[in-house]
Structure formats: C-alpha cells, structure tokens
Amino acid sequence: MSILSGNTEGLKKNQLKLLNRLAGKRIPRGEIISPEVARTLCRLSFELNRQIGLLIHRSGKIETLIVGTHSGILIPPIGHITSGGRLRGLRLVHTHLAGEKITEEDLMDLLFLRLDLLAVLHVDREGLPGNLHSVHLLPGRQEESNWAFLEPVHPARQKESFEDLITSIENEFSRISSAEEVKEGEDRAILISVSTETKMTAEEEMAELVELARSDNIRVLETVLQRRRKINPRLILGKGKLAEIMIRALQLDANLLIFNQELNPSQIRSITDFTDLRVIDRTQLILDIFANRAMSREGKLQIEMAQLKYMLPRLSSRDDALSRLTGGIGARGPGETKLEIDRRRINDRLARLAKELKGVGRERYRRRSQRRKNDLPVLSLVGYTNAGKSTLLNTLTGSDIVAENKLFATLDPTSRRLRFPEDLEVIITDTVGFISHLPEELLQAFKATLEELEEADLLVHVIDVSNPSYRDHIKVVESLLRDLGLDDIPCLKVFNKIDRVDNPEHLVKDLEKEGVIISALDRSSLKPFLEEAQRIMGKSMGWDTDL
C-alpha cells in the first residue's frame, strides 16, 4: 500500500485527495516518471508551494509520496524495501520550485540510501513540468566522482530505457565484486579505523581488528585506515570518507561496517542515519566472539550480563516501534513507552544474572577450597590472546583442549593436573586471553572467572615472540594484572613460538635474561620452563628441591 509521508498539516481535503490519488498511480516500465504523473506532481507542488517527492519501485509502483517544504523533503525510513540487488530498487523523483540543480544533499541521499537513481523535476512559473535532471551511481572506482549525471530531458521526451540503465549498473556492480564470492549467510564486512596514533600503531591495531573479525567468522572485504589529528565527535570520520566507504560497500556487496573505535550512542545514531548497513564497534565484535565461544554456565551468564550492560545506554527511541505506548485498561495515563519497558526488563534481567552469578561464584569457591584441602599448588597461565596458552597446557598434560589460531579460542577456565620432574604435582589452569583496550563491560563481567588467578601460586605469562608487537602485548597484560591486584604473585615469563621467528639467535640472548624460551608444540623445549617453574614455586612454598 502506498504511504503518504511528510507534513500534511494545513492541507485541504481536496488536496489530500489528489495526493492520495497520485500515490496510487503506477509508472510504466522503462520511464523514470510518466508525463501524466509529472504534470500532476508539478501542479500539486505549485499549488502547495512545497516540494513533493515520489519513491518509486522498479515495478513502477509508487511506494511513498513525500510532502516537504518549499526548500526540501525529508525521506522517511525505507529499510524494509529492497530489490535483492546491490541497489535499493527505488528511485526518488522530487520537485524543485526555484530551478535549483541537484544538490549535495541529493547526492548523499542517492549514495547512502543506495537509490537506483535520483531525479529533480523543475516546476515552471505556471506549475507545468520543466526538465528532468537525473543522476545515478557509478559502479567502478572513479577518480573524479562516484556518480554520473544524465542529460536533462522533458518527461514527455524520454527515449532511453531507465530499466535497461539500472540493469547494466547492477550487472557492473556484480562483475566488480565477482572476485569476492562469500558463503551464503556469512557476514561481509568493511573494517574501519580512525586513529590519532602513529602509523605503525594504527596499522597494528587494524591488523588485530582483522584477526578479531576472522575469529568471529566474518569475511573481511576491505580495510579503511584513516589517521587524523582529531576524531570527528559525530561521525568518527568525515562525511566524504564515509561516502567513499559506502561506494566500496556497494561494489563489494558488504553488509556490515566494523569500527575499531568504541562508538557512543550518538555516534551510532549519526552513522546509521547515513547508511542502512549494520554498524558495530570493536567492543560489540569482542562480545559476539565471547557469546559464540562461551561453553560453561558461568561464562554464558557473564557474557549475557556484559552484552546487556553494553546495550542499556544504547537503547534509542529513534525507531518508531520503540515509541508506541502501552498500558492496560484502567491504567492511569498512557503508561510506559516500549523504550522504558525495554530498559526495565534489562535492569530486571541484570539483577537476576547477578544473583545467579553469586551462586556460581560460591560453587567455584567451594571447589577452590577443596583444592586447598588437597594442598595442591596452582600454576595459572596468563597472556595476550592467541599467545599459545592452550597449546602449552595440552603439550604439558596430554590434554585436547581446543587450541586454534584464533583470538579468544579459549574463554572458560580449564584446569588439569601437572607433574613436575621431581614428582611434585600441581594444578595448571588455562585462562581467557587478554587484549588491549579490553571493554570495561567484559573486564567487570569476567572478574569472577579471573578470581581463579587470585589462588595462583605462580603466574606463567605466555608471550608470542613471533608477533612484532609482543612488547606492547607484555605491557597490556602486566597493566591488566595490576588493575586486578595480581601483580604481587610470582610471575614467570615464557617466550613462546620461537620456532616461528626467522633467525631467532639475536632474540635469544635478550630474552634469556627475562624468562625462558620455548615452542609449545615441541615438548623437548619445555624442560627449562618446568625446571624454572618448579624452582620459583619451591622457593615460595618451601619445597625441598635441589634444582
């Protein structure tokens, strides 16, 4: 059913009747707008002294008629209307009363709404149609412009087939992206980072974002790195750069934008005002990885709590569905808005989750107490995500814990028994990996899990020396351990993945002064680690060892 949109206050009944009749018209296939509809559109626009716009489906059906002001129109949300192709399957034709050309705002609407075409119909001084000025997007990378203007033409003298034009544009978009075939249902993302850091730091952060996306089974189509002196507080990056990204999203058939920076609620709203693509930030990506990987009841509870805490301040009333009023019969006043109900439900759920987590925490405490009764010392593996902690635990204990070359492959703490060479037995625990800029919601949510570390007699800091940023990773882990109040527990640095380093000799001399060097995949390289771990634990616990 056609929709009448915009400000219709003050219009007479006969004018509303004519507008509704116009909204029920169909445009013949191949024409941008029919001469008959163009005449009616211009006459009404002239009488009302307002711009009027038509959103027309490729089938010729008028989806929406928009009544604007003398100087412009406001396009309503159209996210529910799609064509199944790269473009929206809609074209916009709207009147101009003062002979204005296609504006910059028109071009942004064309791009961000992925319209098939945008046309401006001039209204002459007698209320009759003038020329039709049209513009469409260009599929390929263009040096000068992302769109092409058609020759102005009177609606009664259209010769070129609009349908053929759009078909050729869609085919070209498909041809360009044919090399980027992806699995059905797989998210296809453009990764965006706007940084004030040095070029090297910014590139390292982007590389980590790529790995995070890969860990969440997201296909990365392209990365966009922009360095600025100051972050745009509204859109993060400039409107022009966002326009370039939208063109690439069209060309590559992306359905997701991932920002490396955490977006506040107003930034999310501003960006989504310009694009109908899904927009998430680094924190949401990490939360999604955790949600997919958590296996234990406690892990799932903690993740749900972290997600709800993140979501709560980002609930928005901009969606009309959230503004509907509800209330029972006899209720005083209109009742709560759906937005208020959503907030109350989230707060109620958070309270229930906190109560459940307390129960799980008590059970975990009982298990730790039992372990203490057995007088078994605890050795806990810590380190940056993907440093090789799970692989090391598997090699040491003959276990088969999931150990993938992905960030956050391990989320739930895992404990195994380990026997040292001197026939001394300890509990070895694998914990979730740390990461730079760890979301506050996650750090708080996982404090219960990380309480395991408080019981440790020795922390083994596993470090991936094959990563060029391993020094920065060391700082991140040490900083987080300080934040958690764990920096007073003895800590042994274990430099892992030495087998992946080209010409490692230059590293070995420096690293041997700080800790032990191993390859977690090579059991024969672990003897120095076991001896040093036993020496440190024996010293702190008074073992009678002679190592």
Protein backbone atom coordinates (compact mmCIF):
# COMPACT_ATOMS: atom_id res chain seq x y z
CA MET A 1 0.00 0.00 0.00
CA SER A 2 1.29 3.47 -0.89
CA ILE A 3 2.22 5.75 2.01
CA LEU A 4 1.70 9.47 2.33
CA SER A 5 4.66 10.89 4.26
CA GLY A 6 5.78 14.29 5.49
CA ASN A 7 4.00 17.30 6.94
CA THR A 8 0.41 17.35 5.62
CA GLU A 9 -0.96 19.71 8.27
CA GLY A 10 -2.94 22.61 6.84
CA LEU A 11 -3.74 20.84 3.58
CA LYS A 12 -7.31 20.95 2.31
CA LYS A 13 -9.39 17.80 1.87
CA ASN A 14 -9.36 18.05 -1.92
CA GLN A 15 -5.55 18.45 -1.89
CA LEU A 16 -5.14 15.39 0.32
CA LYS A 17 -7.48 13.51 -2.00
CA LEU A 18 -5.37 14.46 -5.03
CA LEU A 19 -2.17 13.47 -3.22
CA ASN A 20 -3.59 10.07 -2.31
CA ARG A 21 -4.80 9.58 -5.86
CA LEU A 22 -1.33 10.47 -7.14
CA ALA A 23 0.23 7.99 -4.67
CA GLY A 24 -1.90 5.24 -6.22
CA LYS A 25 -0.53 5.75 -9.76
CA ARG A 26 1.90 3.37 -11.48
CA ILE A 27 4.80 4.37 -13.69
CA PRO A 28 5.22 2.47 -17.00
CA ARG A 29 8.34 0.28 -17.05
CA GLY A 30 11.31 1.96 -18.70
CA GLU A 31 10.26 5.53 -17.77
CA ILE A 32 11.74 7.47 -14.84
CA ILE A 33 8.37 9.17 -14.44
CA SER A 34 5.40 9.23 -16.79
CA PRO A 35 4.32 12.57 -18.37
CA GLU A 36 0.89 12.28 -16.75
CA VAL A 37 2.29 11.77 -13.23
CA ALA A 38 4.84 14.55 -13.84
CA ARG A 39 2.05 17.03 -14.69
CA THR A 40 0.02 16.12 -11.60
CA LEU A 41 3.11 16.23 -9.40
CA CYS A 42 4.13 19.68 -10.63
CA ARG A 43 0.60 21.12 -10.36
CA LEU A 44 0.24 19.95 -6.74
CA SER A 45 3.73 21.13 -5.83
CA PHE A 46 2.99 24.54 -7.38
CA GLU A 47 -0.36 24.90 -5.56
CA LEU A 48 1.08 23.89 -2.19
CA ASN A 49 4.33 25.82 -2.71
CA ARG A 50 6.14 22.77 -1.37
CA GLN A 51 8.49 20.22 -2.80
CA ILE A 52 6.87 16.81 -3.33
CA GLY A 53 8.82 13.58 -3.75
CA LEU A 54 7.95 10.14 -5.07
CA LEU A 55 9.79 6.97 -4.07
CA ILE A 56 9.11 4.63 -6.99
CA HIS A 57 9.79 0.88 -7.01
CA ARG A 58 11.33 -0.74 -10.10
CA SER A 59 7.97 -2.35 -10.75
CA GLY A 60 6.53 1.15 -11.27
CA LYS A 61 4.59 1.20 -8.00
CA ILE A 62 4.80 4.44 -6.01
CA GLU A 63 5.94 3.24 -2.58
CA THR A 64 5.88 6.61 -0.80
CA LEU A 65 4.71 10.13 -1.56
CA ILE A 66 6.59 12.73 0.49
CA VAL A 67 5.27 16.22 1.18
CA GLY A 68 8.11 18.58 2.08
CA THR A 69 8.73 22.28 2.48
CA HIS A 70 9.50 24.90 -0.17
CA SER A 71 13.22 24.08 0.10
CA GLY A 72 13.39 20.36 0.71
CA ILE A 73 11.88 16.97 1.59
CA LEU A 74 12.60 14.54 4.43
CA ILE A 75 12.88 10.93 3.27
CA PRO A 76 11.26 8.50 5.76
CA PRO A 77 12.91 5.20 6.82
CA ILE A 78 12.91 2.79 3.87
CA GLY A 79 14.96 -0.10 5.27
CA HIS A 80 12.13 -2.59 4.68
CA ILE A 81 12.20 -2.01 0.90
CA THR A 82 14.86 -3.95 -1.02
CA SER A 83 15.32 -5.22 -4.54
CA GLY A 84 17.61 -8.17 -3.85
CA GLY A 85 20.47 -6.46 -5.73
CA ARG A 86 23.22 -4.05 -4.77
CA LEU A 87 20.90 -1.07 -5.21
CA ARG A 88 17.74 -0.45 -3.23
CA GLY A 89 15.31 -0.97 -6.09
CA LEU A 90 13.86 2.52 -5.55
CA ARG A 91 14.27 5.79 -7.38
CA LEU A 92 13.45 9.20 -5.98
CA VAL A 93 11.82 11.90 -8.11
CA HIS A 94 11.11 15.20 -6.38
CA THR A 95 10.19 18.68 -7.49
CA HIS A 96 12.26 21.86 -7.29
CA LEU A 97 10.32 25.12 -7.29
CA ALA A 98 13.13 27.63 -7.82
CA GLY A 99 15.07 25.96 -10.62
CA GLU A 100 17.71 24.55 -8.25
CA LYS A 101 20.16 21.98 -9.54
CA ILE A 102 20.74 18.60 -7.94
CA THR A 103 22.19 19.43 -4.52
CA GLU A 104 24.95 17.89 -2.44
CA GLU A 105 22.25 16.61 -0.09
CA ASP A 106 20.53 14.90 -3.05
CA LEU A 107 23.79 13.16 -3.94
CA MET A 108 24.27 11.95 -0.36
CA ASP A 109 20.70 10.57 -0.36
CA LEU A 110 21.45 8.76 -3.63
CA LEU A 111 24.57 7.19 -2.15
CA PHE A 112 23.64 6.42 1.44
CA LEU A 113 20.17 5.08 0.57
CA ARG A 114 21.56 3.11 -2.41
CA LEU A 115 18.89 4.52 -4.70
CA ASP A 116 18.69 3.31 -8.30
CA LEU A 117 18.51 6.90 -9.47
CA LEU A 118 17.63 10.35 -8.17
CA ALA A 119 15.80 12.87 -10.35
CA VAL A 120 14.84 16.51 -9.83
CA LEU A 121 11.80 17.76 -11.75
CA HIS A 122 11.72 21.52 -12.28
CA VAL A 123 8.37 23.26 -11.89
CA ASP A 124 7.94 26.31 -14.15
CA ARG A 125 6.15 29.57 -13.24
CA GLU A 126 2.82 28.22 -14.45
CA GLY A 127 3.03 24.98 -12.49
CA LEU A 128 3.95 22.85 -15.51
CA PRO A 129 6.79 20.30 -15.75
CA GLY A 130 10.21 21.56 -16.81
CA ASN A 131 13.22 19.36 -17.49
CA LEU A 132 14.04 16.23 -15.51
CA HIS A 133 17.61 16.26 -14.12
CA SER A 134 18.82 12.77 -13.14
CA VAL A 135 21.90 11.20 -11.53
CA HIS A 136 22.95 7.61 -10.78
CA LEU A 137 25.85 5.88 -9.06
CA LEU A 138 28.91 4.64 -10.95
CA PRO A 139 29.95 1.05 -10.18
CA GLY A 140 33.73 1.22 -10.64
CA ARG A 141 36.41 3.15 -8.76
CA GLN A 142 36.28 6.68 -10.10
CA GLU A 143 38.97 9.33 -9.78
CA GLU A 144 36.70 12.35 -10.03
CA SER A 145 33.21 11.31 -8.99
CA ASN A 146 31.12 8.41 -7.78
CA TRP A 147 28.07 9.34 -9.86
CA ALA A 148 27.06 10.25 -13.40
CA PHE A 149 24.55 12.90 -14.47
CA LEU A 150 22.16 12.21 -17.34
CA GLU A 151 21.31 14.81 -19.93
CA PRO A 152 18.28 16.89 -18.80
CA VAL A 153 15.11 15.81 -20.58
CA HIS A 154 11.44 16.76 -20.52
CA PRO A 155 9.28 13.92 -19.10
CA ALA A 156 7.34 13.77 -22.37
CA ARG A 157 10.52 13.24 -24.43
CA GLN A 158 12.22 10.37 -22.57
CA LYS A 159 13.88 7.98 -25.03
CA GLU A 160 16.40 5.97 -23.03
CA SER A 161 15.08 2.99 -21.06
CA PHE A 162 15.50 3.53 -17.34
CA GLU A 163 15.09 -0.21 -16.77
CA ASP A 164 17.96 -1.06 -19.13
CA LEU A 165 20.19 1.53 -17.43
CA ILE A 166 19.65 0.10 -13.92
CA THR A 167 20.12 -3.47 -15.15
CA SER A 168 23.50 -2.55 -16.64
CA ILE A 169 24.56 -0.77 -13.42
CA GLU A 170 23.58 -3.76 -11.28
CA ASN A 171 25.44 -6.12 -13.63
CA GLU A 172 28.56 -3.97 -13.41
CA PHE A 173 28.41 -3.94 -9.59
CA SER A 174 28.11 -7.75 -9.67
CA ARG A 175 31.02 -8.08 -12.11
CA ILE A 176 33.31 -5.96 -9.92
CA SER A 177 32.55 -7.98 -6.80
CA SER A 178 32.64 -11.39 -8.52
CA ALA A 179 36.12 -11.99 -7.14
CA GLU A 180 34.75 -11.56 -3.61
CA GLU A 181 32.35 -14.51 -3.54
CA VAL A 182 31.33 -15.43 0.01
CA LYS A 183 29.30 -18.16 1.66
CA GLU A 184 25.57 -17.64 1.95
CA GLY A 185 24.70 -16.15 5.33
CA GLU A 186 28.29 -15.13 6.04
CA ASP A 187 28.79 -11.55 7.20
CA ARG A 188 30.77 -9.45 4.73
CA ALA A 189 32.47 -6.53 6.40
CA ILE A 190 34.47 -3.41 5.74
CA LEU A 191 36.72 -2.66 8.70
CA ILE A 192 37.26 0.99 9.62
CA SER A 193 39.78 2.53 11.99
CA VAL A 194 40.18 6.26 12.62
CA SER A 195 43.27 6.77 14.73
CA THR A 196 45.29 9.58 16.26
CA GLU A 197 48.18 7.17 16.91
CA THR A 198 51.39 6.77 14.90
CA LYS A 199 51.18 5.00 11.56
CA MET A 200 52.80 1.83 12.94
CA THR A 201 50.50 1.66 15.97
CA ALA A 202 47.42 2.34 13.83
CA GLU A 203 48.38 -0.45 11.40
CA GLU A 204 48.97 -2.90 14.26
CA GLU A 205 45.54 -2.08 15.73
CA MET A 206 43.93 -2.65 12.34
CA ALA A 207 45.72 -5.99 11.96
CA GLU A 208 44.32 -7.03 15.33
CA LEU A 209 40.81 -5.96 14.28
CA VAL A 210 41.17 -8.14 11.17
CA GLU A 211 42.09 -11.10 13.40
CA LEU A 212 39.13 -10.42 15.68
CA ALA A 213 36.79 -10.42 12.66
CA ARG A 214 38.33 -13.63 11.38
CA SER A 215 37.85 -15.21 14.81
CA ASP A 216 34.14 -14.38 14.55
CA ASN A 217 33.92 -16.00 11.07
CA ILE A 218 33.42 -12.65 9.34
CA ARG A 219 34.68 -12.21 5.78
CA VAL A 220 36.82 -9.06 5.65
CA LEU A 221 36.33 -7.47 2.24
CA GLU A 222 38.39 -4.33 2.78
CA THR A 223 40.06 -2.27 5.50
CA VAL A 224 39.95 1.51 5.74
CA LEU A 225 42.54 3.22 7.94
CA GLN A 226 42.36 6.98 8.41
CA ARG A 227 44.74 8.91 10.62
CA ARG A 228 43.54 12.24 11.91
CA ARG A 229 44.76 14.81 14.38
CA LYS A 230 41.33 14.88 15.97
CA ILE A 231 38.45 12.39 15.86
CA ASN A 232 35.18 13.69 14.41
CA PRO A 233 32.93 13.58 17.52
CA ARG A 234 29.79 12.98 15.44
CA LEU A 235 30.68 10.58 12.65
CA ILE A 236 34.19 9.42 13.74
CA LEU A 237 35.35 10.06 10.17
CA GLY A 238 34.43 12.75 7.65
CA LYS A 239 31.24 12.62 5.59
CA GLY A 240 33.26 12.44 2.37
CA LYS A 241 35.22 9.43 3.60
CA LEU A 242 32.01 7.77 4.71
CA ALA A 243 30.66 8.33 1.19
CA GLU A 244 33.72 6.55 -0.28
CA ILE A 245 33.17 3.65 2.09
CA MET A 246 29.53 3.37 1.03
CA ILE A 247 30.58 3.15 -2.61
CA ARG A 248 33.00 0.34 -1.75
CA ALA A 249 30.27 -1.38 0.26
CA LEU A 250 28.09 -1.32 -2.85
CA GLN A 251 30.88 -2.55 -5.09
CA LEU A 252 31.86 -5.39 -2.73
CA ASP A 253 28.32 -6.22 -1.55
CA ALA A 254 29.24 -5.60 2.10
CA ASN A 255 26.51 -5.85 4.70
CA LEU A 256 28.45 -4.78 7.80
CA LEU A 257 30.71 -1.91 8.92
CA ILE A 258 33.02 -2.60 11.88
CA PHE A 259 34.68 0.35 13.61
CA ASN A 260 37.85 -0.20 15.63
CA GLN A 261 36.92 2.64 17.99
CA GLU A 262 34.16 2.21 20.55
CA LEU A 263 31.12 4.15 19.33
CA ASN A 264 28.96 6.04 21.78
CA PRO A 265 25.16 6.02 21.32
CA SER A 266 25.03 9.35 19.47
CA GLN A 267 27.78 8.28 17.05
CA ILE A 268 25.96 5.05 16.25
CA ARG A 269 22.77 7.01 15.56
CA SER A 270 24.61 9.55 13.37
CA ILE A 271 26.33 6.89 11.28
CA THR A 272 23.20 4.75 10.88
CA ASP A 273 21.33 7.89 9.78
CA PHE A 274 23.61 7.87 6.72
CA THR A 275 23.61 4.16 5.93
CA ASP A 276 21.29 1.18 6.16
CA LEU A 277 24.23 -1.19 6.69
CA ARG A 278 24.67 -2.74 10.11
CA VAL A 279 27.22 -0.84 12.17
CA ILE A 280 29.11 -2.32 15.13
CA ASP A 281 32.27 -1.40 17.02
CA ARG A 282 35.22 -3.36 18.40
CA THR A 283 33.52 -3.94 21.75
CA GLN A 284 30.43 -5.46 20.14
CA LEU A 285 32.67 -7.68 18.00
CA ILE A 286 34.53 -8.98 21.06
CA LEU A 287 31.25 -9.53 22.90
CA ASP A 288 29.93 -11.52 19.93
CA ILE A 289 33.06 -13.70 19.87
CA PHE A 290 32.65 -14.38 23.58
CA ALA A 291 28.95 -15.15 23.14
CA ASN A 292 29.76 -17.72 20.44
CA ARG A 293 32.62 -19.35 22.35
CA ALA A 294 31.45 -19.48 25.98
CA MET A 295 30.65 -23.06 26.98
CA SER A 296 30.21 -23.06 30.75
CA ARG A 297 27.10 -21.82 32.53
CA GLU A 298 29.15 -19.15 34.28
CA GLY A 299 30.72 -17.97 31.04
CA LYS A 300 27.33 -17.66 29.36
CA LEU A 301 25.90 -15.74 32.32
CA GLN A 302 28.85 -13.35 32.34
CA ILE A 303 28.62 -12.72 28.60
CA GLU A 304 24.89 -12.03 28.74
CA MET A 305 25.48 -9.57 31.57
CA ALA A 306 28.25 -7.81 29.61
CA GLN A 307 26.06 -7.56 26.50
CA LEU A 308 23.10 -6.15 28.44
CA LYS A 309 25.30 -3.59 30.20
CA TYR A 310 26.66 -2.52 26.82
CA MET A 311 23.19 -2.35 25.26
CA LEU A 312 21.42 -0.44 28.05
CA PRO A 313 22.77 3.09 27.37
CA ARG A 314 22.45 2.49 23.62
CA LEU A 315 18.70 1.88 23.60
CA SER A 316 17.21 4.60 21.44
CA SER A 317 13.76 5.98 20.86
CA ARG A 318 14.54 6.96 17.26
CA ASP A 319 12.80 3.82 15.99
CA ASP A 320 9.07 4.43 15.80
CA ALA A 321 8.47 0.92 17.15
CA LEU A 322 10.09 1.94 20.42
CA SER A 323 7.78 4.93 20.81
CA ARG A 324 4.50 3.01 20.84
CA LEU A 325 2.58 3.48 24.05
CA THR A 326 1.32 0.52 26.03
CA GLY A 327 -0.96 0.27 29.03
CA GLY A 328 -3.74 -1.87 30.38
CA ILE A 329 -7.42 -0.95 30.62
CA GLY A 330 -7.95 1.38 33.55
CA ALA A 331 -4.29 2.39 33.71
CA ARG A 332 -3.74 5.98 34.72
CA GLY A 333 -2.16 7.95 31.89
CA PRO A 334 -0.68 6.45 28.74
CA GLY A 335 1.55 4.00 30.61
CA GLU A 336 5.20 3.25 29.85
CA THR A 337 6.77 3.62 26.44
CA LYS A 338 8.24 0.49 24.90
CA LEU A 339 11.68 2.06 25.40
CA GLU A 340 11.05 2.36 29.15
CA ILE A 341 9.78 -1.23 29.27
CA ASP A 342 12.90 -2.45 27.45
CA ARG A 343 15.11 -0.64 29.96
CA ARG A 344 13.18 -2.01 32.93
CA ARG A 345 13.35 -5.56 31.55
CA ILE A 346 17.09 -5.27 31.01
CA ASN A 347 17.63 -4.00 34.56
CA ASP A 348 15.46 -6.83 35.92
CA ARG A 349 17.44 -9.37 33.90
CA LEU A 350 20.75 -7.90 35.11
CA ALA A 351 19.59 -8.28 38.71
CA ARG A 352 18.68 -11.94 38.10
CA LEU A 353 22.00 -12.61 36.37
CA ALA A 354 23.93 -11.05 39.26
CA LYS A 355 22.08 -13.33 41.68
CA GLU A 356 22.81 -16.44 39.58
CA LEU A 357 26.48 -15.47 39.24
CA LYS A 358 26.76 -15.18 43.03
CA GLY A 359 25.56 -18.76 43.29
CA VAL A 360 28.05 -19.93 40.67
CA GLY A 361 30.77 -17.97 42.45
CA ARG A 362 30.02 -19.75 45.74
CA GLU A 363 30.28 -23.13 43.97
CA ARG A 364 33.60 -22.10 42.44
CA TYR A 365 34.82 -21.02 45.89
CA ARG A 366 33.92 -24.45 47.29
CA ARG A 367 35.90 -26.11 44.53
CA ARG A 368 38.90 -23.91 45.25
CA SER A 369 38.63 -24.69 48.96
CA GLN A 370 38.60 -28.43 48.22
CA ARG A 371 41.70 -27.98 46.11
CA ARG A 372 43.38 -26.18 49.01
CA LYS A 373 42.49 -29.05 51.35
CA ASN A 374 44.32 -31.38 48.99
CA ASP A 375 47.27 -28.98 49.35
CA LEU A 376 47.88 -28.78 45.61
CA PRO A 377 49.64 -25.60 44.48
CA VAL A 378 48.20 -23.73 41.48
CA LEU A 379 50.05 -22.58 38.38
CA SER A 380 47.97 -20.26 36.15
CA LEU A 381 48.67 -19.47 32.50
CA VAL A 382 48.05 -15.83 31.55
CA GLY A 383 48.89 -13.82 28.48
CA TYR A 384 47.69 -11.96 25.44
CA THR A 385 45.04 -13.70 23.38
CA ASN A 386 46.43 -16.25 20.89
CA ALA A 387 49.80 -16.39 22.66
CA GLY A 388 49.64 -20.21 22.81
CA LYS A 389 48.44 -20.85 26.39
CA SER A 390 46.06 -23.69 25.47
CA THR A 391 48.66 -25.34 23.25
CA LEU A 392 51.17 -25.21 26.11
CA LEU A 393 48.67 -26.78 28.54
CA ASN A 394 47.85 -29.53 26.00
CA THR A 395 51.52 -30.36 25.46
CA LEU A 396 52.29 -30.37 29.19
CA THR A 397 49.32 -32.52 30.25
CA GLY A 398 48.43 -34.51 27.14
CA SER A 399 45.03 -32.83 27.01
CA ASP A 400 42.97 -31.95 23.95
CA ILE A 401 41.64 -28.50 24.87
CA VAL A 402 40.58 -26.52 21.80
CA ALA A 403 43.64 -24.58 20.64
CA GLU A 404 43.00 -22.68 17.41
CA ASN A 405 44.99 -19.97 15.70
CA LYS A 406 42.22 -17.52 16.55
CA LEU A 407 41.79 -14.78 19.10
CA PHE A 408 39.85 -15.89 22.20
CA ALA A 409 39.81 -19.58 21.23
CA THR A 410 39.64 -20.29 24.99
CA LEU A 411 37.12 -18.47 27.17
CA ASP A 412 36.23 -20.77 30.04
CA PRO A 413 38.97 -21.53 32.59
CA THR A 414 40.29 -25.09 32.32
CA SER A 415 42.30 -26.92 34.99
CA ARG A 416 44.47 -30.02 34.71
CA ARG A 417 46.95 -31.84 36.95
CA LEU A 418 50.63 -31.47 36.06
CA ARG A 419 53.54 -33.50 37.50
CA PHE A 420 56.93 -31.79 37.70
CA PRO A 421 60.19 -33.70 37.04
CA GLU A 422 60.77 -34.08 40.80
CA ASP A 423 57.44 -35.94 41.09
CA LEU A 424 55.68 -32.91 42.56
CA GLU A 425 52.08 -32.38 41.49
CA VAL A 426 50.36 -29.03 40.79
CA ILE A 427 47.14 -27.77 39.25
CA ILE A 428 47.71 -25.90 35.98
CA THR A 429 44.93 -23.54 34.85
CA ASP A 430 44.31 -22.00 31.42
CA THR A 431 42.51 -18.63 31.43
CA VAL A 432 40.94 -16.28 28.91
CA GLY A 433 43.45 -14.25 26.93
CA PHE A 434 43.84 -10.52 27.48
CA ILE A 435 43.67 -7.88 24.78
CA SER A 436 44.41 -4.17 24.51
CA HIS A 437 41.51 -1.81 25.21
CA LEU A 438 39.57 -4.63 26.86
CA PRO A 439 35.95 -3.46 27.09
CA GLU A 440 35.07 -2.35 30.61
CA GLU A 441 31.89 -4.44 30.48
CA LEU A 442 33.96 -7.56 29.81
CA LEU A 443 36.59 -6.81 32.42
CA GLN A 444 33.90 -6.40 35.07
CA ALA A 445 31.91 -9.41 33.88
CA PHE A 446 34.95 -11.70 33.90
CA LYS A 447 36.26 -10.71 37.31
CA ALA A 448 34.59 -13.83 38.73
CA THR A 449 36.47 -16.01 36.23
CA LEU A 450 39.71 -14.17 36.84
CA GLU A 451 39.30 -14.72 40.59
CA GLU A 452 40.92 -18.07 39.79
CA LEU A 453 44.16 -16.15 39.39
CA GLU A 454 44.00 -14.94 42.99
CA GLU A 455 44.50 -18.55 44.10
CA ALA A 456 47.59 -18.97 41.90
CA ASP A 457 50.98 -19.64 43.49
CA LEU A 458 52.68 -18.81 40.19
CA LEU A 459 51.53 -16.89 37.12
CA VAL A 460 53.06 -18.07 33.85
CA HIS A 461 52.96 -15.17 31.41
CA VAL A 462 52.95 -16.76 27.93
CA ILE A 463 54.23 -14.39 25.22
CA ASP A 464 54.09 -14.85 21.43
CA VAL A 465 57.51 -13.61 20.29
CA SER A 466 56.61 -14.19 16.63
CA ASN A 467 54.23 -11.22 16.88
CA PRO A 468 56.06 -7.94 16.09
CA SER A 469 54.01 -6.23 18.82
CA TYR A 470 54.92 -8.68 21.58
CA ARG A 471 56.48 -5.93 23.72
CA ASP A 472 53.24 -3.96 23.62
CA HIS A 473 51.32 -7.15 24.48
CA ILE A 474 53.53 -7.66 27.54
CA LYS A 475 52.65 -4.15 28.73
CA VAL A 476 48.92 -4.77 28.22
CA VAL A 477 48.97 -8.00 30.26
CA GLU A 478 51.09 -6.50 33.06
CA SER A 479 48.81 -3.46 33.23
CA LEU A 480 45.68 -5.63 33.48
CA LEU A 481 47.27 -7.81 36.17
CA ARG A 482 47.99 -4.64 38.16
CA ASP A 483 44.37 -3.50 37.69
CA LEU A 484 43.20 -6.87 39.02
CA GLY A 485 45.54 -6.63 42.03
CA LEU A 486 47.55 -9.68 40.95
CA ASP A 487 50.96 -8.07 40.47
CA ASP A 488 52.25 -9.37 43.84
CA ILE A 489 52.01 -13.05 42.73
CA PRO A 490 55.32 -14.51 41.42
CA CYS A 491 55.34 -14.38 37.60
CA LEU A 492 57.45 -16.31 35.10
CA LYS A 493 57.72 -15.00 31.55
CA VAL A 494 57.62 -17.74 28.90
CA PHE A 495 58.52 -16.62 25.39
CA ASN A 496 56.60 -18.91 23.04
CA LYS A 497 56.56 -19.60 19.29
CA ILE A 498 60.31 -19.17 18.89
CA ASP A 499 60.02 -21.71 16.06
CA ARG A 500 58.12 -19.10 14.03
CA VAL A 501 60.88 -16.47 14.29
CA ASP A 502 63.33 -16.07 11.41
CA ASN A 503 66.93 -16.08 12.65
CA PRO A 504 65.98 -16.24 16.35
CA GLU A 505 69.58 -16.06 17.61
CA HIS A 506 69.50 -12.28 18.01
CA LEU A 507 66.41 -12.56 20.22
CA VAL A 508 67.54 -15.44 22.42
CA LYS A 509 70.33 -13.55 24.20
CA ASP A 510 68.00 -10.74 25.28
CA LEU A 511 65.03 -12.93 26.14
CA GLU A 512 67.01 -15.41 28.25
CA LYS A 513 67.64 -12.60 30.73
CA GLU A 514 63.88 -12.11 31.21
CA GLY A 515 62.46 -15.63 31.19
CA VAL A 516 62.51 -18.96 29.39
CA ILE A 517 62.18 -19.58 25.66
CA ILE A 518 60.01 -22.40 24.31
CA SER A 519 57.93 -23.71 21.45
CA ALA A 520 54.70 -25.04 22.94
CA LEU A 521 54.47 -27.51 20.06
CA ASP A 522 57.87 -29.04 20.90
CA ARG A 523 57.81 -30.97 24.20
CA SER A 524 61.60 -31.22 24.25
CA SER A 525 61.87 -27.42 24.56
CA LEU A 526 59.79 -27.33 27.76
CA LYS A 527 62.36 -28.73 30.20
CA PRO A 528 63.86 -25.31 31.09
CA PHE A 529 60.36 -23.98 31.71
CA LEU A 530 59.42 -26.88 34.05
CA GLU A 531 62.69 -26.54 35.98
CA GLU A 532 62.32 -22.77 36.41
CA ALA A 533 58.63 -23.02 37.35
CA GLN A 534 59.44 -25.68 39.95
CA ARG A 535 62.31 -23.58 41.33
CA ILE A 536 60.13 -20.46 41.75
CA MET A 537 57.22 -22.38 43.28
CA GLY A 538 59.55 -24.35 45.54
CA LYS A 539 61.14 -21.16 46.79
CA SER A 540 57.77 -19.54 47.63
CA MET A 541 56.27 -22.72 49.14
CA GLY A 542 59.31 -24.09 50.95
CA TRP A 543 59.65 -27.28 48.88
CA ASP A 544 62.77 -29.31 49.48
CA THR A 545 64.01 -29.39 45.87
CA ASP A 546 67.54 -29.35 44.62
CA LEU A 547 67.15 -27.86 41.14
